[in-house]
N, C-alpha and C. Protein backbone atom coordinates (compact mmCIF):
# COMPACT_ATOMS: atom_id res chain seq x y z
N MET A 1 44.57 -26.31 -17.96
CA MET A 1 43.92 -25.95 -19.19
C MET A 1 43.65 -24.45 -19.21
N GLY A 2 43.57 -23.90 -20.42
CA GLY A 2 43.31 -22.47 -20.59
C GLY A 2 41.84 -22.14 -20.43
N THR A 3 41.56 -20.87 -20.40
CA THR A 3 40.17 -20.44 -20.29
C THR A 3 39.47 -20.59 -21.63
N ALA A 4 38.16 -20.77 -21.58
CA ALA A 4 37.38 -20.94 -22.80
C ALA A 4 37.33 -19.64 -23.58
N TYR A 5 37.31 -19.78 -24.89
CA TYR A 5 37.21 -18.61 -25.76
C TYR A 5 35.79 -18.05 -25.71
N ARG A 6 35.68 -16.76 -25.60
CA ARG A 6 34.38 -16.09 -25.65
C ARG A 6 34.45 -15.03 -26.73
N GLU A 7 33.34 -14.90 -27.43
CA GLU A 7 33.27 -13.87 -28.45
C GLU A 7 33.40 -12.50 -27.79
N PRO A 8 34.20 -11.59 -28.36
CA PRO A 8 34.42 -10.27 -27.74
C PRO A 8 33.13 -9.51 -27.46
N GLN A 9 32.16 -9.53 -28.37
CA GLN A 9 30.92 -8.77 -28.18
C GLN A 9 30.14 -9.30 -26.97
N LYS A 10 30.08 -10.63 -26.84
CA LYS A 10 29.37 -11.21 -25.70
C LYS A 10 30.07 -10.85 -24.40
N GLU A 11 31.39 -10.85 -24.40
CA GLU A 11 32.14 -10.51 -23.19
C GLU A 11 31.88 -9.06 -22.79
N ILE A 12 31.87 -8.16 -23.75
CA ILE A 12 31.59 -6.76 -23.45
C ILE A 12 30.17 -6.62 -22.91
N SER A 13 29.22 -7.30 -23.51
CA SER A 13 27.83 -7.24 -23.05
C SER A 13 27.69 -7.80 -21.65
N ARG A 14 28.41 -8.88 -21.34
CA ARG A 14 28.38 -9.44 -19.98
C ARG A 14 28.89 -8.42 -18.97
N GLN A 15 29.93 -7.71 -19.33
CA GLN A 15 30.49 -6.70 -18.43
C GLN A 15 29.48 -5.59 -18.20
N LYS A 16 28.80 -5.16 -19.25
CA LYS A 16 27.78 -4.11 -19.10
C LYS A 16 26.65 -4.59 -18.21
N MET A 17 26.22 -5.85 -18.38
CA MET A 17 25.15 -6.41 -17.55
C MET A 17 25.53 -6.36 -16.09
N LYS A 18 26.77 -6.69 -15.77
CA LYS A 18 27.21 -6.72 -14.38
C LYS A 18 27.18 -5.34 -13.74
N MET A 19 27.40 -4.30 -14.53
CA MET A 19 27.47 -2.95 -13.99
C MET A 19 26.10 -2.40 -13.61
N ALA A 20 25.02 -2.89 -14.18
CA ALA A 20 23.71 -2.30 -13.96
C ALA A 20 22.78 -3.25 -13.20
N ILE A 21 23.28 -3.84 -12.13
CA ILE A 21 22.49 -4.80 -11.37
C ILE A 21 21.78 -4.08 -10.21
N HIS A 22 20.48 -4.32 -10.10
CA HIS A 22 19.67 -3.81 -9.00
C HIS A 22 20.04 -4.57 -7.73
N PRO A 23 19.87 -3.99 -6.55
CA PRO A 23 20.19 -4.71 -5.32
C PRO A 23 19.50 -6.06 -5.18
N SER A 24 18.37 -6.25 -5.88
CA SER A 24 17.66 -7.53 -5.84
C SER A 24 18.37 -8.61 -6.63
N GLY A 25 19.39 -8.22 -7.41
CA GLY A 25 20.11 -9.17 -8.25
C GLY A 25 19.61 -9.19 -9.68
N ILE A 26 18.64 -8.37 -9.98
CA ILE A 26 18.08 -8.28 -11.33
C ILE A 26 18.69 -7.07 -12.01
N ARG A 27 18.96 -7.19 -13.30
CA ARG A 27 19.47 -6.03 -14.05
C ARG A 27 18.53 -4.86 -13.87
N GLY A 28 19.09 -3.67 -13.81
CA GLY A 28 18.31 -2.46 -13.56
C GLY A 28 17.19 -2.23 -14.54
N ASP A 29 17.46 -2.37 -15.84
CA ASP A 29 16.40 -2.13 -16.82
C ASP A 29 15.33 -3.22 -16.76
N THR A 30 15.72 -4.44 -16.45
CA THR A 30 14.75 -5.52 -16.29
C THR A 30 13.88 -5.26 -15.07
N TYR A 31 14.49 -4.83 -13.98
CA TYR A 31 13.74 -4.49 -12.77
C TYR A 31 12.73 -3.39 -13.07
N ASP A 32 13.15 -2.36 -13.79
CA ASP A 32 12.26 -1.25 -14.13
C ASP A 32 11.06 -1.73 -14.96
N LEU A 33 11.31 -2.64 -15.89
CA LEU A 33 10.21 -3.17 -16.71
C LEU A 33 9.26 -4.01 -15.87
N VAL A 34 9.80 -4.84 -14.99
CA VAL A 34 8.96 -5.66 -14.12
C VAL A 34 8.09 -4.76 -13.24
N SER A 35 8.70 -3.73 -12.69
CA SER A 35 7.98 -2.79 -11.85
C SER A 35 6.88 -2.07 -12.63
N THR A 36 7.21 -1.61 -13.83
CA THR A 36 6.22 -0.93 -14.67
C THR A 36 5.08 -1.87 -15.00
N LEU A 37 5.40 -3.10 -15.36
CA LEU A 37 4.38 -4.09 -15.68
C LEU A 37 3.46 -4.33 -14.48
N TYR A 38 4.05 -4.52 -13.33
CA TYR A 38 3.27 -4.76 -12.10
C TYR A 38 2.32 -3.59 -11.82
N HIS A 39 2.83 -2.39 -11.86
CA HIS A 39 2.00 -1.22 -11.54
C HIS A 39 0.93 -0.97 -12.60
N SER A 40 1.24 -1.27 -13.85
CA SER A 40 0.24 -1.11 -14.90
C SER A 40 -0.87 -2.15 -14.75
N ILE A 41 -0.51 -3.36 -14.39
CA ILE A 41 -1.53 -4.40 -14.15
C ILE A 41 -2.45 -3.98 -13.01
N GLU A 42 -1.86 -3.46 -11.94
CA GLU A 42 -2.66 -2.96 -10.82
C GLU A 42 -3.58 -1.83 -11.27
N ALA A 43 -3.05 -0.93 -12.09
CA ALA A 43 -3.84 0.22 -12.55
C ALA A 43 -5.04 -0.23 -13.38
N VAL A 44 -4.85 -1.24 -14.22
CA VAL A 44 -5.97 -1.76 -15.02
C VAL A 44 -7.11 -2.17 -14.10
N GLU A 45 -6.78 -2.89 -13.05
CA GLU A 45 -7.79 -3.34 -12.11
C GLU A 45 -8.44 -2.16 -11.38
N ILE A 46 -7.64 -1.23 -10.92
CA ILE A 46 -8.15 -0.09 -10.16
C ILE A 46 -9.05 0.78 -11.03
N TYR A 47 -8.61 1.09 -12.26
CA TYR A 47 -9.42 1.92 -13.15
C TYR A 47 -10.74 1.25 -13.51
N GLY A 48 -10.73 -0.07 -13.61
CA GLY A 48 -11.97 -0.80 -13.84
C GLY A 48 -12.94 -0.62 -12.69
N LYS A 49 -12.42 -0.67 -11.48
CA LYS A 49 -13.26 -0.45 -10.28
C LYS A 49 -13.80 0.97 -10.26
N TYR A 50 -12.93 1.94 -10.57
CA TYR A 50 -13.38 3.33 -10.61
C TYR A 50 -14.47 3.53 -11.65
N ALA A 51 -14.32 2.88 -12.81
CA ALA A 51 -15.32 3.00 -13.88
C ALA A 51 -16.65 2.41 -13.42
N GLU A 52 -16.61 1.27 -12.76
CA GLU A 52 -17.83 0.64 -12.24
C GLU A 52 -18.50 1.54 -11.21
N ASP A 53 -17.72 2.09 -10.29
CA ASP A 53 -18.27 2.98 -9.26
C ASP A 53 -18.94 4.19 -9.89
N ALA A 54 -18.27 4.80 -10.86
CA ALA A 54 -18.83 5.98 -11.52
C ALA A 54 -20.12 5.61 -12.27
N GLU A 55 -20.12 4.47 -12.92
CA GLU A 55 -21.29 4.02 -13.67
C GLU A 55 -22.48 3.80 -12.74
N GLN A 56 -22.23 3.20 -11.58
CA GLN A 56 -23.30 2.95 -10.62
C GLN A 56 -23.90 4.25 -10.09
N LYS A 57 -23.12 5.30 -10.08
CA LYS A 57 -23.59 6.61 -9.61
C LYS A 57 -24.18 7.44 -10.75
N GLY A 58 -24.20 6.88 -11.96
CA GLY A 58 -24.74 7.60 -13.10
C GLY A 58 -23.79 8.62 -13.69
N GLU A 59 -22.53 8.53 -13.34
CA GLU A 59 -21.50 9.45 -13.84
C GLU A 59 -20.88 8.86 -15.11
N ASN A 60 -21.65 8.94 -16.21
CA ASN A 60 -21.22 8.29 -17.45
C ASN A 60 -19.93 8.88 -18.02
N GLU A 61 -19.79 10.20 -17.96
CA GLU A 61 -18.57 10.83 -18.48
C GLU A 61 -17.34 10.37 -17.70
N LEU A 62 -17.49 10.31 -16.39
CA LEU A 62 -16.39 9.86 -15.54
C LEU A 62 -16.08 8.38 -15.78
N SER A 63 -17.13 7.59 -15.92
CA SER A 63 -16.95 6.17 -16.20
C SER A 63 -16.21 5.97 -17.52
N THR A 64 -16.58 6.73 -18.53
CA THR A 64 -15.91 6.66 -19.83
C THR A 64 -14.44 7.04 -19.70
N PHE A 65 -14.17 8.08 -18.94
CA PHE A 65 -12.78 8.50 -18.72
C PHE A 65 -11.96 7.37 -18.10
N PHE A 66 -12.49 6.73 -17.06
CA PHE A 66 -11.74 5.65 -16.42
C PHE A 66 -11.56 4.45 -17.35
N LYS A 67 -12.55 4.18 -18.17
CA LYS A 67 -12.42 3.09 -19.15
C LYS A 67 -11.35 3.42 -20.19
N GLU A 68 -11.27 4.70 -20.58
CA GLU A 68 -10.24 5.11 -21.54
C GLU A 68 -8.84 4.93 -20.98
N ILE A 69 -8.64 5.37 -19.74
CA ILE A 69 -7.29 5.25 -19.18
C ILE A 69 -6.98 3.79 -18.82
N GLN A 70 -8.03 3.02 -18.54
CA GLN A 70 -7.83 1.59 -18.32
C GLN A 70 -7.30 0.94 -19.60
N GLU A 71 -7.86 1.33 -20.73
CA GLU A 71 -7.40 0.78 -22.02
C GLU A 71 -5.96 1.22 -22.31
N GLN A 72 -5.62 2.45 -21.97
CA GLN A 72 -4.24 2.90 -22.14
C GLN A 72 -3.28 2.04 -21.31
N GLU A 73 -3.69 1.71 -20.10
CA GLU A 73 -2.85 0.86 -19.25
C GLU A 73 -2.74 -0.54 -19.82
N ARG A 74 -3.83 -1.05 -20.39
CA ARG A 74 -3.77 -2.39 -21.02
C ARG A 74 -2.73 -2.41 -22.13
N ARG A 75 -2.71 -1.34 -22.93
CA ARG A 75 -1.70 -1.26 -24.00
C ARG A 75 -0.30 -1.18 -23.40
N ARG A 76 -0.16 -0.46 -22.31
CA ARG A 76 1.13 -0.36 -21.64
C ARG A 76 1.57 -1.74 -21.11
N VAL A 77 0.62 -2.50 -20.57
CA VAL A 77 0.92 -3.86 -20.10
C VAL A 77 1.42 -4.71 -21.26
N SER A 78 0.73 -4.65 -22.39
CA SER A 78 1.13 -5.44 -23.55
C SER A 78 2.53 -5.07 -24.02
N ARG A 79 2.80 -3.79 -24.10
CA ARG A 79 4.12 -3.32 -24.56
C ARG A 79 5.22 -3.72 -23.57
N ALA A 80 4.94 -3.57 -22.28
CA ALA A 80 5.93 -3.94 -21.26
C ALA A 80 6.23 -5.43 -21.31
N LYS A 81 5.21 -6.26 -21.56
CA LYS A 81 5.42 -7.70 -21.66
C LYS A 81 6.34 -8.04 -22.82
N VAL A 82 6.11 -7.41 -23.96
CA VAL A 82 6.96 -7.65 -25.14
C VAL A 82 8.40 -7.26 -24.84
N LEU A 83 8.57 -6.06 -24.28
CA LEU A 83 9.93 -5.60 -23.96
C LEU A 83 10.61 -6.50 -22.94
N LEU A 84 9.86 -6.94 -21.94
CA LEU A 84 10.43 -7.81 -20.91
C LEU A 84 10.83 -9.16 -21.52
N GLU A 85 9.99 -9.72 -22.36
CA GLU A 85 10.32 -10.98 -23.02
C GLU A 85 11.60 -10.84 -23.84
N GLU A 86 11.73 -9.71 -24.55
CA GLU A 86 12.94 -9.48 -25.35
C GLU A 86 14.17 -9.40 -24.46
N ARG A 87 14.08 -8.65 -23.37
CA ARG A 87 15.23 -8.48 -22.48
C ARG A 87 15.64 -9.81 -21.84
N LEU A 88 14.65 -10.57 -21.40
CA LEU A 88 14.96 -11.86 -20.77
C LEU A 88 15.59 -12.81 -21.77
N SER A 89 15.12 -12.78 -22.99
CA SER A 89 15.70 -13.61 -24.04
C SER A 89 17.15 -13.20 -24.31
N GLN A 90 17.41 -11.89 -24.35
CA GLN A 90 18.77 -11.40 -24.56
C GLN A 90 19.69 -11.81 -23.41
N GLU A 91 19.18 -11.72 -22.20
CA GLU A 91 19.99 -12.09 -21.04
C GLU A 91 20.34 -13.58 -21.08
N ARG A 92 19.36 -14.41 -21.44
CA ARG A 92 19.61 -15.84 -21.53
C ARG A 92 20.68 -16.14 -22.57
N SER A 93 20.59 -15.48 -23.71
CA SER A 93 21.56 -15.75 -24.79
C SER A 93 22.95 -15.28 -24.41
N LEU A 94 23.05 -14.23 -23.63
CA LEU A 94 24.36 -13.73 -23.20
C LEU A 94 25.00 -14.66 -22.17
N LEU A 95 24.18 -15.36 -21.44
CA LEU A 95 24.71 -16.26 -20.40
C LEU A 95 25.09 -17.62 -20.94
N GLU A 96 24.71 -17.89 -22.17
CA GLU A 96 25.02 -19.22 -22.76
C GLU A 96 26.45 -19.27 -23.26
């Protein structure tokens, strides 16, 4: 029997996916997003601790600063999650 027909665009996309694979077996851009998400989640926790420490010492300006950058990281986490969900969905559809 012959090989199954594949849409040309999907075949080209599959070839591109194969070229950008991280040594872990994950696509490079997906790996980068996972890494960014992980480090941003850690940063949210760390900045919260720094804000608490500063607050306990009466350093209100410093505490406010850490809370501000903690919120920036929370937004980064949210954005990275959306992008990661999109990429994983695209990868699944290309493999079907």
